[in-house]
Structure formats: C-alpha cells, structure tokens
Amino acid sequence: MAPSVPDNSGSGSNTDHDADVHATLAMSLIPGIGPRLHATLLERFETADNVLNQPAATLQTVNGVGKQLAERITIGIHRAAATEMLARCVDLGVKLRRKHTPGYPTGLNAVDDAPGILYVRGTFEPRDELAVGIVGSRRCTSYGRRQAERMAGSLVRAGFTIISGLARGIDGAAHRGALNAGGRTIAVMATGVKEIYPPEHADLAIDITRSGAVVSEFPLDQKPRPGLFPQRNRIISGMSLGVIVVEATRNSGALYTARHAMEQGREVFAVPGQVDSLASAGCHDLIREGATLIRNVEDVLAELGPLSQPTQSAEATTVHDPREMSLNPQEKEVLNLITTSPVHVDEVLRTTKLDMSRVLSTLTVLEMKRFIRRLPGNMLVRNV
C-alpha cells in the first residue's frame, strides 16, 4: 500500500463534486472511451450527463461508437462506480479536476486529446502555468542526473514549476532538483495516484504533494502497463511551455514527450552529451531536427521570451523574466512602473503611493537583482 499523503489540495472541499464531475468521472470509467472519443461525445451532446442519458441507437450515430460500446454507456453501472470512486477520493484527499473548468491546467485545456478529468493529490497554483517539463532516460548516467538536477534547480529559482513523470533516472532527478531548490514540481503518473510507481519513489511522491502535485488521468488503482507511459507523456508536454530532454537514447520514451511537445506547439530543448555517447544519441538527433540546444537556464529563457503571468483578475500581466514571480508585492509594484523605455526616477516616485524611502530602497534591490539598470541623468530602464 502506498504511504498516506497529506491533503493540501487547495481551495474547495473534497465534497464539492457537482453532477457534471460525477458524470464525467462515470464516462472516464467506461472501457472504450478514450480522451479523443470523450471529447467527440461532449462536442455532440454538450455534457457528460447528456451522453449517459442517450439511447444506444443515438450513440451509435457518433463516429467511433459501436453497438457494444453504446450498450456499455447506457447500462448505468458506471454511475455507481463513479459514486464509489468519489467516496474513495474524499477519503484519500484526492481532488478531481474537469477539463475546461477552474482548477484544470490552462495549457492542457488547449490539447485536443487532453484527459476529460484529472485525479490530483496536492495543489495546482496559478504560478504553475509557468512550467517546464524535464524528461529523459531511466537508465541515466551521473552526467545526466547532474544536468537534470542543475537545470531543474535553476528553473525554479527563475520562477518556473518543473513537470516530469516520477520515473527512475532523469525524472526523479528533475523532481529532486526542484524540491532541493525550494520550488514547485508536478509529477504526471502513468498509474493511479494511489499506486505510486516506481515503489521506491513513494517518499518522493509525498514530498512532491507538499510542494506541487501528483497527477493522473487513470483511476486510483491503475497498475503500471507499458502502453500507459507514452500516453501520459502528452500531459507532461501539454502542461508545459517547453520540454527539456536530458539524456535519451534513440528508443527512449522521452522522445515521445518531445514529439507531443512539437505537435502541441511547445518549445523543445535538448541538453547535449558527449558526441559519441549512446545515452545522448536521441538528444543529438533532436538537435539536428531543430530542437534548441541548451547549456543553462539562460538559453531556455531566451527561447521562451516574455511570458504571461496568471493573476486573480481577468487580465494577465506580462512577465519579462520568470524570476519576477518570486518578487514580493512591493517589488512587483515598483518594477511595473519601469518600462523598457527610460523613465526618470522622479516619475516613478510621483506614480506610486509608497513612501519615497521604500521606493528608493526597492529600486536598489531591483538593481542588485538585475531587473533594472540606471542610466545617466537619474533615468531607469527595465532589463529584457
């Protein structure tokens, strides 16, 4: 049995599942309804509840629904299974997040074959929208492990969340690198969130739920099966702005994640290894095919460029440097008064309601952190 995980799953109680969540969960438990057919059915009938209430003859008019599947949808036993699953989720502190509703990862909403529902242990936070995936070989070298930990640590210090698959090797190193740097990380499982795999990462999974989340599209008790690992990789890339591949042979499963990222319009990065290293042959092939060769976090930031920072309001603010996510409210307020065009310090002082001494000290801090620089004539400009 997997170790118990504290419920730090954020806003909302474990009992706030409405009828749509229940029906969506019931649909997901029906054998034969995968993510694409799930989306097709919802497009046709609008809600999961409507799908479950359709007569078999009507369901068979949907491309991909045969007689046997139509009968499975209509018999109704999956509603009872969903009720039982919901009760277990409550007991285990597992949240359910439905596609196109608050709490579901925004980037994943745009993926055609995204899961209709996610099981979540831990929390999603708005800042997790600025995320980078790090994947690679299970049988990595010490070089690969060091690079994954180094890259993950640098990225969380720059304001990113790290997403990976909790697998042995590079995935585990990426998660640990993020946690050791005091950052957030999300593990996307190819099993149910109750069945931590590999078992030696059970403690790591608990640590991740305290600073992020363990996530799966599969039911709680789903055991590991080979075909599920490539399937889950589209979620890693879908939740990420870009994916970094650290050590991958030519037949590595990490290359599936890179392919998904390309299809989803995400950036693909590869860390080079020694030119004759079979462990990095897949990375070198990606670079030849157009993936960005990266040496450090600065290379990643240069490719991602200005980003949109999620806020509690309907509007988002432009983040020129993801490190801005780590600034306190006063530092953010002052920084937002300085643009990429020079502005006089007196103009900054006139615009803000903060005390002059606090503004001047904050400007010094921002300059030391290299968010801004001073120009002749008491002018200030934002670094980009």
Protein backbone atom coordinates (compact mmCIF):
# COMPACT_ATOMS: atom_id res chain seq x y z
CA MET A 1 0.00 0.00 0.00
CA ALA A 2 1.28 3.46 -0.86
CA PRO A 3 2.11 5.75 2.07
CA SER A 4 -0.63 8.14 3.07
CA VAL A 5 -0.40 11.63 1.62
CA PRO A 6 -1.49 14.76 3.47
CA ASP A 7 -4.42 16.58 1.89
CA ASN A 8 -3.12 20.00 0.94
CA SER A 9 -5.19 20.12 -2.19
CA GLY A 10 -6.12 23.75 -2.10
CA SER A 11 -9.42 25.57 -2.32
CA GLY A 12 -12.70 23.71 -2.23
CA SER A 13 -13.67 20.77 -0.09
CA ASN A 14 -13.46 17.13 -1.07
CA THR A 15 -17.25 17.04 -1.38
CA ASP A 16 -17.71 19.85 -3.90
CA HIS A 17 -18.25 17.46 -6.83
CA ASP A 18 -21.22 18.54 -8.89
CA ALA A 19 -23.32 16.41 -11.23
CA ASP A 20 -21.06 17.18 -14.19
CA VAL A 21 -17.97 15.93 -12.32
CA HIS A 22 -19.82 12.75 -11.35
CA ALA A 23 -21.00 12.15 -14.91
CA THR A 24 -17.59 12.96 -16.39
CA LEU A 25 -15.96 10.54 -13.99
CA ALA A 26 -18.52 7.87 -14.92
CA MET A 27 -17.71 8.39 -18.61
CA SER A 28 -13.99 8.05 -17.92
CA LEU A 29 -14.59 4.68 -16.24
CA ILE A 30 -16.28 3.17 -19.30
CA PRO A 31 -13.89 0.89 -21.24
CA GLY A 32 -13.57 2.05 -24.82
CA ILE A 33 -13.97 5.81 -24.18
CA GLY A 34 -10.56 7.37 -24.57
CA PRO A 35 -9.73 11.09 -24.47
CA ARG A 36 -10.49 11.75 -28.14
CA LEU A 37 -13.83 9.92 -28.13
CA HIS A 38 -14.65 11.59 -24.83
CA ALA A 39 -14.14 14.98 -26.50
CA THR A 40 -16.17 13.91 -29.55
CA LEU A 41 -19.10 12.83 -27.40
CA LEU A 42 -19.08 16.07 -25.43
CA GLU A 43 -18.94 18.08 -28.65
CA ARG A 44 -22.03 16.26 -29.89
CA PHE A 45 -24.08 16.11 -26.66
CA GLU A 46 -22.60 19.06 -24.70
CA THR A 47 -22.44 17.45 -21.24
CA ALA A 48 -21.34 14.10 -19.84
CA ASP A 49 -24.76 13.67 -18.25
CA ASN A 50 -26.39 14.08 -21.66
CA VAL A 51 -24.06 11.45 -23.10
CA LEU A 52 -25.00 8.93 -20.42
CA ASN A 53 -28.71 9.58 -20.96
CA GLN A 54 -28.70 8.99 -24.72
CA PRO A 55 -30.34 5.86 -26.15
CA ALA A 56 -27.94 3.34 -27.66
CA ALA A 57 -29.22 3.96 -31.18
CA THR A 58 -28.38 7.66 -30.96
CA LEU A 59 -24.93 6.96 -29.52
CA GLN A 60 -24.15 4.69 -32.46
CA THR A 61 -24.50 7.63 -34.83
CA VAL A 62 -21.26 9.02 -33.35
CA ASN A 63 -18.14 8.01 -35.22
CA GLY A 64 -16.21 5.53 -33.10
CA VAL A 65 -19.18 4.26 -31.07
CA GLY A 66 -20.25 0.73 -31.97
CA LYS A 67 -23.09 -1.37 -30.65
CA GLN A 68 -21.16 -2.86 -27.71
CA LEU A 69 -19.79 0.47 -26.54
CA ALA A 70 -23.21 2.11 -26.86
CA GLU A 71 -24.66 -0.59 -24.64
CA ARG A 72 -21.90 -0.13 -22.07
CA ILE A 73 -22.64 3.59 -21.94
CA THR A 74 -26.37 3.09 -21.41
CA ILE A 75 -26.41 0.31 -18.79
CA GLY A 76 -25.71 2.77 -15.98
CA ILE A 77 -23.37 0.71 -13.81
CA HIS A 78 -20.62 3.26 -14.30
CA ARG A 79 -22.60 5.90 -12.42
CA ALA A 80 -22.49 3.63 -9.38
CA ALA A 81 -18.77 3.05 -9.92
CA ALA A 82 -18.26 6.82 -10.09
CA THR A 83 -20.10 7.28 -6.79
CA GLU A 84 -17.80 4.74 -5.15
CA MET A 85 -14.72 6.33 -6.72
CA LEU A 86 -15.75 9.78 -5.49
CA ALA A 87 -16.10 8.48 -1.95
CA ARG A 88 -12.63 6.96 -2.11
CA CYS A 89 -11.19 10.22 -3.46
CA VAL A 90 -12.67 12.04 -0.48
CA ASP A 91 -11.11 9.54 1.93
CA LEU A 92 -7.70 9.80 0.24
CA GLY A 93 -7.69 13.59 -0.16
CA VAL A 94 -7.70 13.33 -3.95
CA LYS A 95 -9.25 16.16 -5.96
CA LEU A 96 -10.90 15.76 -9.35
CA ARG A 97 -10.32 18.46 -11.94
CA ARG A 98 -12.58 18.54 -15.01
CA LYS A 99 -11.44 19.90 -18.36
CA HIS A 100 -12.45 23.49 -19.15
CA THR A 101 -13.30 24.29 -15.53
CA PRO A 102 -11.39 26.28 -12.89
CA GLY A 103 -8.51 24.32 -11.40
CA TYR A 104 -7.74 22.38 -14.58
CA PRO A 105 -4.33 23.29 -16.10
CA THR A 106 -4.88 26.04 -18.65
CA GLY A 107 -2.28 24.80 -21.11
CA LEU A 108 -3.76 21.32 -21.09
CA ASN A 109 -7.20 22.69 -21.97
CA ALA A 110 -5.85 23.53 -25.43
CA VAL A 111 -4.68 19.96 -26.13
CA ASP A 112 -7.17 18.05 -28.31
CA ASP A 113 -6.68 14.70 -26.58
CA ALA A 114 -6.34 16.03 -23.03
CA PRO A 115 -7.99 13.96 -20.30
CA GLY A 116 -11.58 14.80 -19.52
CA ILE A 117 -10.79 14.53 -15.82
CA LEU A 118 -7.65 14.52 -13.68
CA TYR A 119 -7.01 12.96 -10.28
CA VAL A 120 -4.87 15.32 -8.22
CA ARG A 121 -3.02 14.79 -4.95
CA GLY A 122 -1.58 18.09 -3.82
CA THR A 123 -2.24 21.52 -5.32
CA PHE A 124 -2.29 23.36 -8.60
CA GLU A 125 -1.44 27.05 -8.24
CA PRO A 126 -1.68 29.90 -10.77
CA ARG A 127 2.12 30.12 -10.95
CA ASP A 128 2.20 26.53 -12.23
CA GLU A 129 1.09 27.90 -15.59
CA LEU A 130 4.76 28.90 -15.97
CA ALA A 131 6.06 25.35 -16.18
CA VAL A 132 8.81 23.48 -17.99
CA GLY A 133 8.94 19.72 -18.45
CA ILE A 134 12.18 17.82 -17.89
CA VAL A 135 12.35 14.23 -19.12
CA GLY A 136 14.98 11.69 -20.07
CA SER A 137 16.31 8.20 -19.68
CA ARG A 138 15.51 5.93 -16.76
CA ARG A 139 18.99 4.46 -17.06
CA CYS A 140 20.81 7.75 -16.97
CA THR A 141 24.47 8.43 -16.33
CA SER A 142 25.77 10.53 -13.47
CA TYR A 143 26.26 13.34 -16.01
CA GLY A 144 22.59 13.23 -16.99
CA ARG A 145 21.44 13.17 -13.38
CA ARG A 146 23.60 16.19 -12.54
CA GLN A 147 22.32 18.14 -15.54
CA ALA A 148 18.68 17.38 -14.73
CA GLU A 149 19.09 18.47 -11.10
CA ARG A 150 21.03 21.58 -12.11
CA MET A 151 18.54 22.62 -14.78
CA ALA A 152 15.53 22.00 -12.53
CA GLY A 153 17.06 23.98 -9.67
CA SER A 154 17.94 26.90 -11.93
CA LEU A 155 14.48 26.97 -13.47
CA VAL A 156 12.60 27.02 -10.16
CA ARG A 157 14.83 29.85 -8.99
CA ALA A 158 13.79 31.64 -12.19
CA GLY A 159 10.12 31.22 -11.25
CA PHE A 160 9.15 28.04 -13.08
CA THR A 161 7.40 24.88 -11.92
CA ILE A 162 9.04 21.63 -13.03
CA ILE A 163 6.90 18.88 -14.56
CA SER A 164 8.08 15.32 -15.04
CA GLY A 165 6.91 11.72 -14.79
CA LEU A 166 8.28 10.43 -11.44
CA ALA A 167 10.18 7.70 -13.29
CA ARG A 168 13.60 6.45 -12.29
CA GLY A 169 16.61 8.34 -13.62
CA ILE A 170 16.19 11.79 -15.13
CA ASP A 171 12.58 12.28 -13.97
CA GLY A 172 13.42 11.63 -10.34
CA ALA A 173 16.49 13.86 -10.55
CA ALA A 174 14.39 16.70 -12.00
CA HIS A 175 11.81 16.45 -9.22
CA ARG A 176 14.51 16.38 -6.55
CA GLY A 177 16.39 19.28 -8.12
CA ALA A 178 13.22 21.39 -7.98
CA LEU A 179 12.45 20.43 -4.38
CA ASN A 180 16.02 20.97 -3.20
CA ALA A 181 15.90 24.49 -4.66
CA GLY A 182 12.70 25.24 -2.74
CA GLY A 183 10.49 25.22 -5.83
CA ARG A 184 7.35 23.55 -7.08
CA THR A 185 7.12 20.38 -9.12
CA ILE A 186 4.33 18.26 -10.58
CA ALA A 187 4.56 14.52 -11.26
CA VAL A 188 2.35 13.08 -14.01
CA MET A 189 1.70 9.40 -13.34
CA ALA A 190 1.12 6.52 -15.75
CA THR A 191 -0.62 4.73 -12.88
CA GLY A 192 -3.33 5.78 -10.46
CA VAL A 193 -2.27 8.30 -7.82
CA LYS A 194 -2.77 5.61 -5.17
CA GLU A 195 -0.35 3.27 -6.96
CA ILE A 196 2.99 5.08 -6.84
CA TYR A 197 5.39 3.70 -9.43
CA PRO A 198 8.23 3.00 -9.13
CA PRO A 199 7.62 1.98 -5.48
CA GLU A 200 10.96 3.39 -4.33
CA HIS A 201 9.66 6.87 -5.24
CA ALA A 202 6.79 6.69 -2.72
CA ASP A 203 8.55 9.10 -0.34
CA LEU A 204 9.45 11.41 -3.22
CA ALA A 205 5.77 11.48 -4.23
CA ILE A 206 4.82 12.59 -0.72
CA ASP A 207 7.39 15.39 -0.87
CA ILE A 208 6.02 16.46 -4.24
CA THR A 209 2.45 16.75 -2.91
CA ARG A 210 3.72 19.21 -0.31
CA SER A 211 5.26 21.46 -2.98
CA GLY A 212 3.13 20.69 -6.00
CA ALA A 213 1.02 17.75 -7.08
CA VAL A 214 0.94 14.13 -8.17
CA VAL A 215 -1.47 13.85 -11.11
CA SER A 216 -3.03 11.09 -13.21
CA GLU A 217 -5.79 10.62 -15.75
CA PHE A 218 -6.18 7.00 -14.63
CA PRO A 219 -8.37 5.57 -11.85
CA LEU A 220 -6.91 5.31 -8.36
CA ASP A 221 -5.92 1.64 -8.55
CA GLN A 222 -4.50 1.59 -12.07
CA LYS A 223 -1.37 -0.59 -12.15
CA PRO A 224 1.62 0.15 -14.43
CA ARG A 225 1.26 -1.08 -18.02
CA PRO A 226 3.79 -0.36 -20.80
CA GLY A 227 1.32 1.39 -23.11
CA LEU A 228 0.24 3.88 -20.48
CA PHE A 229 3.64 5.57 -20.15
CA PRO A 230 3.75 7.00 -23.70
CA GLN A 231 0.09 8.03 -23.28
CA ARG A 232 0.76 10.10 -20.16
CA ASN A 233 3.64 11.94 -21.86
CA ARG A 234 1.22 14.18 -23.77
CA ILE A 235 0.08 15.54 -20.39
CA ILE A 236 3.64 16.41 -19.35
CA SER A 237 4.15 18.40 -22.55
CA GLY A 238 0.62 19.81 -22.52
CA MET A 239 1.10 21.34 -19.08
CA SER A 240 4.48 22.82 -20.04
CA LEU A 241 5.62 25.86 -22.00
CA GLY A 242 8.52 23.77 -23.23
CA VAL A 243 10.13 20.38 -22.68
CA ILE A 244 13.79 19.71 -21.94
CA VAL A 245 15.20 16.31 -22.87
CA VAL A 246 18.24 15.33 -20.79
CA GLU A 247 19.90 12.12 -21.98
CA ALA A 248 17.76 9.99 -24.25
CA THR A 249 18.79 7.04 -26.38
CA ARG A 250 17.25 6.67 -29.81
CA ASN A 251 14.48 4.42 -28.43
CA SER A 252 13.86 6.39 -25.22
CA GLY A 253 10.28 7.06 -24.15
CA ALA A 254 11.35 10.66 -23.50
CA LEU A 255 11.31 11.18 -27.27
CA TYR A 256 7.54 10.58 -27.21
CA THR A 257 7.24 13.58 -24.91
CA ALA A 258 9.33 15.66 -27.31
CA ARG A 259 7.12 14.62 -30.24
CA HIS A 260 3.98 15.50 -28.31
CA ALA A 261 5.52 18.88 -27.47
CA MET A 262 6.23 19.58 -31.14
CA GLU A 263 2.67 18.63 -32.13
CA GLN A 264 1.26 20.85 -29.37
CA GLY A 265 3.35 23.84 -30.41
CA ARG A 266 5.59 23.76 -27.34
CA GLU A 267 9.29 24.54 -27.34
CA VAL A 268 11.62 21.54 -27.39
CA PHE A 269 15.07 21.77 -25.80
CA ALA A 270 17.84 19.20 -25.65
CA VAL A 271 20.91 19.02 -23.43
CA PRO A 272 23.89 17.73 -25.44
CA GLY A 273 26.12 14.95 -24.23
CA GLN A 274 29.45 13.68 -25.47
CA VAL A 275 29.35 13.32 -29.25
CA ASP A 276 29.90 9.55 -29.09
CA SER A 277 27.54 8.94 -26.16
CA LEU A 278 24.77 6.46 -26.96
CA ALA A 279 22.96 7.73 -23.86
CA SER A 280 22.54 11.13 -25.56
CA ALA A 281 22.05 9.95 -29.15
CA GLY A 282 18.34 10.79 -29.02
CA CYS A 283 19.11 14.32 -27.78
CA HIS A 284 21.60 14.84 -30.60
CA ASP A 285 19.01 13.67 -33.14
CA LEU A 286 16.51 16.17 -31.73
CA ILE A 287 19.05 18.98 -32.07
CA ARG A 288 19.69 18.04 -35.70
CA GLU A 289 15.92 18.09 -36.28
CA GLY A 290 15.58 21.62 -34.91
CA ALA A 291 15.31 21.33 -31.13
CA THR A 292 17.13 24.09 -29.27
CA LEU A 293 20.49 23.11 -27.81
CA ILE A 294 20.68 24.41 -24.26
CA ARG A 295 23.60 24.76 -21.85
CA ASN A 296 21.95 26.62 -18.98
CA VAL A 297 18.75 28.31 -17.85
CA GLU A 298 19.61 31.48 -19.78
CA ASP A 299 19.29 29.53 -23.03
CA VAL A 300 15.80 28.41 -22.00
CA LEU A 301 14.69 31.91 -21.01
CA ALA A 302 15.99 33.36 -24.26
CA GLU A 303 13.76 30.99 -26.27
CA LEU A 304 10.64 31.33 -24.14
CA GLY A 305 10.79 35.14 -24.16
CA PRO A 306 8.23 37.39 -22.40
CA LEU A 307 5.52 35.36 -20.68
CA SER A 308 2.02 35.97 -19.39
CA GLN A 309 1.75 35.79 -15.60
CA PRO A 310 -1.58 34.42 -14.31
CA THR A 311 -3.36 36.72 -11.89
CA GLN A 312 -6.53 36.56 -9.83
CA SER A 313 -8.15 39.11 -12.13
CA ALA A 314 -9.37 38.54 -15.66
CA GLU A 315 -6.24 40.15 -17.06
CA ALA A 316 -2.71 38.82 -17.03
CA THR A 317 0.45 40.85 -16.65
CA THR A 318 3.48 40.46 -18.87
CA VAL A 319 6.42 38.76 -17.22
CA HIS A 320 9.63 39.74 -18.98
CA ASP A 321 11.68 37.47 -16.75
CA PRO A 322 10.11 34.48 -14.89
CA ARG A 323 12.19 35.45 -11.84
CA GLU A 324 9.63 38.22 -11.36
CA MET A 325 7.29 35.56 -9.97
CA SER A 326 9.48 35.39 -6.85
CA LEU A 327 9.31 39.14 -6.08
CA ASN A 328 7.24 40.40 -3.17
CA PRO A 329 4.20 42.67 -3.87
CA GLN A 330 6.13 45.90 -3.19
CA GLU A 331 8.96 44.92 -5.53
CA LYS A 332 6.47 43.95 -8.24
CA GLU A 333 4.62 47.25 -7.86
CA VAL A 334 7.76 49.31 -8.28
CA LEU A 335 9.10 47.15 -11.10
CA ASN A 336 5.85 47.53 -13.05
CA LEU A 337 6.38 51.31 -13.06
CA ILE A 338 9.58 50.89 -15.06
CA THR A 339 9.40 50.02 -18.73
CA THR A 340 11.88 49.12 -21.43
CA SER A 341 11.92 52.81 -22.31
CA PRO A 342 13.94 55.02 -19.92
CA VAL A 343 11.91 56.68 -17.16
CA HIS A 344 13.13 59.27 -14.66
CA VAL A 345 13.26 58.24 -11.01
CA ASP A 346 11.09 61.28 -10.12
CA GLU A 347 8.35 59.92 -12.37
CA VAL A 348 8.45 56.61 -10.52
CA LEU A 349 8.19 58.43 -7.18
CA ARG A 350 5.22 60.51 -8.39
CA THR A 351 3.34 57.49 -9.74
CA THR A 352 3.44 55.29 -6.66
CA LYS A 353 1.76 55.86 -3.29
CA LEU A 354 4.63 54.20 -1.45
CA ASP A 355 6.94 56.24 0.76
CA MET A 356 9.96 57.70 -1.01
CA SER A 357 12.42 55.79 1.21
CA ARG A 358 10.70 52.49 0.47
CA VAL A 359 10.70 53.16 -3.26
CA LEU A 360 14.38 54.09 -3.31
CA SER A 361 15.38 51.02 -1.30
CA THR A 362 13.26 48.81 -3.54
CA LEU A 363 14.91 50.28 -6.63
CA THR A 364 18.28 49.37 -5.16
CA VAL A 365 17.11 45.79 -4.58
CA LEU A 366 15.76 45.53 -8.13
CA GLU A 367 19.01 46.85 -9.49
CA MET A 368 21.02 44.35 -7.45
CA LYS A 369 18.79 41.56 -8.77
CA ARG A 370 19.38 42.89 -12.30
CA PHE A 371 15.74 43.55 -13.10
CA ILE A 372 16.53 47.21 -13.84
CA ARG A 373 19.58 49.36 -14.54
CA ARG A 374 20.37 53.01 -14.00
CA LEU A 375 21.24 55.33 -16.88
CA PRO A 376 22.86 58.78 -16.82
CA GLY A 377 20.57 61.58 -15.68
CA ASN A 378 18.81 59.52 -12.96
CA MET A 379 16.99 57.50 -15.58
CA LEU A 380 15.85 53.90 -15.05
CA VAL A 381 15.18 51.18 -17.60
CA ARG A 382 13.90 47.65 -17.33
CA ASN A 383 16.23 44.84 -18.37
CA VAL A 384 14.93 42.44 -21.01
